[in-house]
Amino acid sequence: MDWEDYFPTAIAERGYDYYLQGYVTDLKRTKTQITAMVTGTQDYGVVIDLANGDFHGGACECPYANSHPYCKHMAAVLCQATAADKPASQQQVSKAPTSFDSLEQTATKLV
């Protein structure tokens, strides 16, 4: 689902931070919509519209969304939905060393 190009970089980054902090709850998805709650100053309801599985717009109850087409809460929901679509192996941000040798090599590089 390509949605990042619709959002200003700063808004997308703030949404990603909200996603990483676990602020997205009650995520539900149908063929035409994604809904969720996002914790901010308050809890805000977010609705994302989909067309053929792709981002097609959205709405949020936050004050910022009253005067802007996209907000960090929408971006957070899209980050969560995108992560949910990926296999668990691709959701990992970084992989820890799996053997003592590689752990030792990593520690040596740090010294």
C-alpha atoms as a PDB file:
ATOM      1  CA  MET A   1       0.000   0.000   0.000  1.00  0.00           C
ATOM      2  CA  ASP A   2       1.681   3.198  -1.173  1.00  0.00           C
ATOM      3  CA  TRP A   3       0.694   6.130   0.987  1.00  0.00           C
ATOM      4  CA  GLU A   4       3.914   7.880   2.020  1.00  0.00           C
ATOM      5  CA  ASP A   5       3.979  10.252  -0.966  1.00  0.00           C
ATOM      6  CA  TYR A   6       0.704  11.839   0.161  1.00  0.00           C
ATOM      7  CA  PHE A   7       2.094  12.931   3.530  1.00  0.00           C
ATOM      8  CA  PRO A   8       4.586  15.711   4.238  1.00  0.00           C
ATOM      9  CA  THR A   9       7.793  14.129   5.550  1.00  0.00           C
ATOM     10  CA  ALA A  10       7.495  15.672   9.027  1.00  0.00           C
ATOM     11  CA  ILE A  11       3.925  14.369   9.425  1.00  0.00           C
ATOM     12  CA  ALA A  12       4.875  10.873   8.231  1.00  0.00           C
ATOM     13  CA  GLU A  13       7.836  10.792  10.634  1.00  0.00           C
ATOM     14  CA  ARG A  14       5.713  11.870  13.604  1.00  0.00           C
ATOM     15  CA  GLY A  15       3.160   9.219  12.678  1.00  0.00           C
ATOM     16  CA  TYR A  16       5.906   6.607  12.517  1.00  0.00           C
ATOM     17  CA  ASP A  17       7.021   7.647  16.021  1.00  0.00           C
ATOM     18  CA  TYR A  18       3.446   7.229  17.282  1.00  0.00           C
ATOM     19  CA  TYR A  19       3.323   3.778  15.664  1.00  0.00           C
ATOM     20  CA  LEU A  20       6.631   2.758  17.289  1.00  0.00           C
ATOM     21  CA  GLN A  21       5.401   3.957  20.689  1.00  0.00           C
ATOM     22  CA  GLY A  22       2.322   1.730  20.385  1.00  0.00           C
ATOM     23  CA  TYR A  23      -0.222   4.542  20.258  1.00  0.00           C
ATOM     24  CA  VAL A  24      -2.374   2.779  17.625  1.00  0.00           C
ATOM     25  CA  THR A  25      -5.112   0.532  19.059  1.00  0.00           C
ATOM     26  CA  ASP A  26      -8.274  -1.193  17.877  1.00  0.00           C
ATOM     27  CA  LEU A  27      -7.025  -1.523  14.290  1.00  0.00           C
ATOM     28  CA  LYS A  28      -9.692  -3.052  12.064  1.00  0.00           C
ATOM     29  CA  ARG A  29      -9.494  -3.565   8.332  1.00  0.00           C
ATOM     30  CA  THR A  30     -12.018  -4.331   5.619  1.00  0.00           C
ATOM     31  CA  LYS A  31     -11.603  -4.269   1.849  1.00  0.00           C
ATOM     32  CA  THR A  32     -12.537  -0.587   1.735  1.00  0.00           C
ATOM     33  CA  GLN A  33     -11.508   0.837   5.104  1.00  0.00           C
ATOM     34  CA  ILE A  34      -9.067   0.795   8.004  1.00  0.00           C
ATOM     35  CA  THR A  35     -10.239   2.139  11.355  1.00  0.00           C
ATOM     36  CA  ALA A  36      -8.292   2.620  14.572  1.00  0.00           C
ATOM     37  CA  MET A  37      -7.883   4.723  17.677  1.00  0.00           C
ATOM     38  CA  VAL A  38      -4.683   6.702  18.191  1.00  0.00           C
ATOM     39  CA  THR A  39      -3.586   8.153  21.493  1.00  0.00           C
ATOM     40  CA  GLY A  40      -2.493  11.773  21.276  1.00  0.00           C
ATOM     41  CA  THR A  41      -3.462  14.690  23.435  1.00  0.00           C
ATOM     42  CA  GLN A  42      -6.697  12.695  23.490  1.00  0.00           C
ATOM     43  CA  ASP A  43      -7.782   9.460  21.829  1.00  0.00           C
ATOM     44  CA  TYR A  44      -8.601  10.178  18.201  1.00  0.00           C
ATOM     45  CA  GLY A  45     -10.630   8.002  15.862  1.00  0.00           C
ATOM     46  CA  VAL A  46      -9.074   7.511  12.436  1.00  0.00           C
ATOM     47  CA  VAL A  47     -10.689   6.194   9.262  1.00  0.00           C
ATOM     48  CA  ILE A  48      -8.569   5.373   6.219  1.00  0.00           C
ATOM     49  CA  ASP A  49     -10.341   4.816   2.893  1.00  0.00           C
ATOM     50  CA  LEU A  50      -9.014   2.159   0.536  1.00  0.00           C
ATOM     51  CA  ALA A  51      -9.634   1.623  -3.167  1.00  0.00           C
ATOM     52  CA  ASN A  52      -8.442  -1.726  -4.512  1.00  0.00           C
ATOM     53  CA  GLY A  53      -6.328  -2.108  -1.366  1.00  0.00           C
ATOM     54  CA  ASP A  54      -4.540   1.217  -1.887  1.00  0.00           C
ATOM     55  CA  PHE A  55      -4.686   4.394   0.174  1.00  0.00           C
ATOM     56  CA  HIS A  56      -7.484   6.638  -1.065  1.00  0.00           C
ATOM     57  CA  GLY A  57      -7.786   9.254   1.703  1.00  0.00           C
ATOM     58  CA  GLY A  58      -8.744   9.433   5.316  1.00  0.00           C
ATOM     59  CA  ALA A  59     -10.197  11.324   8.218  1.00  0.00           C
ATOM     60  CA  CYS A  60      -9.204  11.933  11.824  1.00  0.00           C
ATOM     61  CA  GLU A  61     -10.983  13.512  14.773  1.00  0.00           C
ATOM     62  CA  CYS A  62      -7.941  15.605  15.754  1.00  0.00           C
ATOM     63  CA  PRO A  63      -7.992  19.407  15.405  1.00  0.00           C
ATOM     64  CA  TYR A  64      -5.087  19.394  12.913  1.00  0.00           C
ATOM     65  CA  ALA A  65      -7.093  17.280  10.460  1.00  0.00           C
ATOM     66  CA  ASN A  66      -9.837  19.913  10.405  1.00  0.00           C
ATOM     67  CA  SER A  67      -7.618  22.175   8.310  1.00  0.00           C
ATOM     68  CA  HIS A  68      -5.153  19.723   6.722  1.00  0.00           C
ATOM     69  CA  PRO A  69      -5.769  16.691   4.534  1.00  0.00           C
ATOM     70  CA  TYR A  70      -3.410  14.369   6.467  1.00  0.00           C
ATOM     71  CA  CYS A  71      -2.210  14.134  10.066  1.00  0.00           C
ATOM     72  CA  LYS A  72       0.268  12.140  12.165  1.00  0.00           C
ATOM     73  CA  HIS A  73      -2.566   9.980  13.518  1.00  0.00           C
ATOM     74  CA  MET A  74      -3.475   8.842   9.998  1.00  0.00           C
ATOM     75  CA  ALA A  75       0.192   8.157   9.283  1.00  0.00           C
ATOM     76  CA  ALA A  76       0.479   6.115  12.499  1.00  0.00           C
ATOM     77  CA  VAL A  77      -2.504   3.969  11.488  1.00  0.00           C
ATOM     78  CA  LEU A  78      -1.044   3.444   8.013  1.00  0.00           C
ATOM     79  CA  CYS A  79       2.315   2.441   9.533  1.00  0.00           C
ATOM     80  CA  GLN A  80       0.543  -0.085  11.766  1.00  0.00           C
ATOM     81  CA  ALA A  81      -1.531  -1.457   8.876  1.00  0.00           C
ATOM     82  CA  THR A  82       1.523  -1.703   6.632  1.00  0.00           C
ATOM     83  CA  ALA A  83       3.461  -3.546   9.350  1.00  0.00           C
ATOM     84  CA  ALA A  84       0.540  -5.926   9.861  1.00  0.00           C
ATOM     85  CA  ASP A  85       0.644  -6.785   6.146  1.00  0.00           C
ATOM     86  CA  LYS A  86       4.317  -7.826   6.292  1.00  0.00           C
ATOM     87  CA  PRO A  87       5.528 -11.250   7.375  1.00  0.00           C
ATOM     88  CA  ALA A  88       6.988 -11.253  10.893  1.00  0.00           C
ATOM     89  CA  SER A  89      10.509 -11.710   9.515  1.00  0.00           C
ATOM     90  CA  GLN A  90      10.257  -8.369   7.674  1.00  0.00           C
ATOM     91  CA  GLN A  91       8.884  -6.470  10.675  1.00  0.00           C
ATOM     92  CA  GLN A  92      12.124  -6.785  12.595  1.00  0.00           C
ATOM     93  CA  VAL A  93      14.006  -3.487  12.672  1.00  0.00           C
ATOM     94  CA  SER A  94      17.401  -5.025  13.315  1.00  0.00           C
ATOM     95  CA  LYS A  95      18.592  -8.542  13.828  1.00  0.00           C
ATOM     96  CA  ALA A  96      20.695  -9.421  16.841  1.00  0.00           C
ATOM     97  CA  PRO A  97      23.818 -11.506  16.339  1.00  0.00           C
ATOM     98  CA  THR A  98      22.927 -15.185  16.396  1.00  0.00           C
ATOM     99  CA  SER A  99      26.209 -16.711  17.481  1.00  0.00           C
ATOM    100  CA  PHE A 100      28.874 -15.990  20.051  1.00  0.00           C
ATOM    101  CA  ASP A 101      31.422 -15.338  17.286  1.00  0.00           C
ATOM    102  CA  SER A 102      29.315 -12.634  15.660  1.00  0.00           C
ATOM    103  CA  LEU A 103      28.529 -11.141  19.082  1.00  0.00           C
ATOM    104  CA  GLU A 104      32.228 -11.041  19.861  1.00  0.00           C
ATOM    105  CA  GLN A 105      32.955  -9.385  16.491  1.00  0.00           C
ATOM    106  CA  THR A 106      30.315  -6.754  17.190  1.00  0.00           C
ATOM    107  CA  ALA A 107      31.740  -6.075  20.653  1.00  0.00           C
ATOM    108  CA  THR A 108      35.255  -5.797  19.209  1.00  0.00           C
ATOM    109  CA  LYS A 109      34.081  -3.182  16.700  1.00  0.00           C
ATOM    110  CA  LEU A 110      32.579  -1.138  19.522  1.00  0.00           C
ATOM    111  CA  VAL A 111      35.858  -1.059  21.484  1.00  0.00           C
END
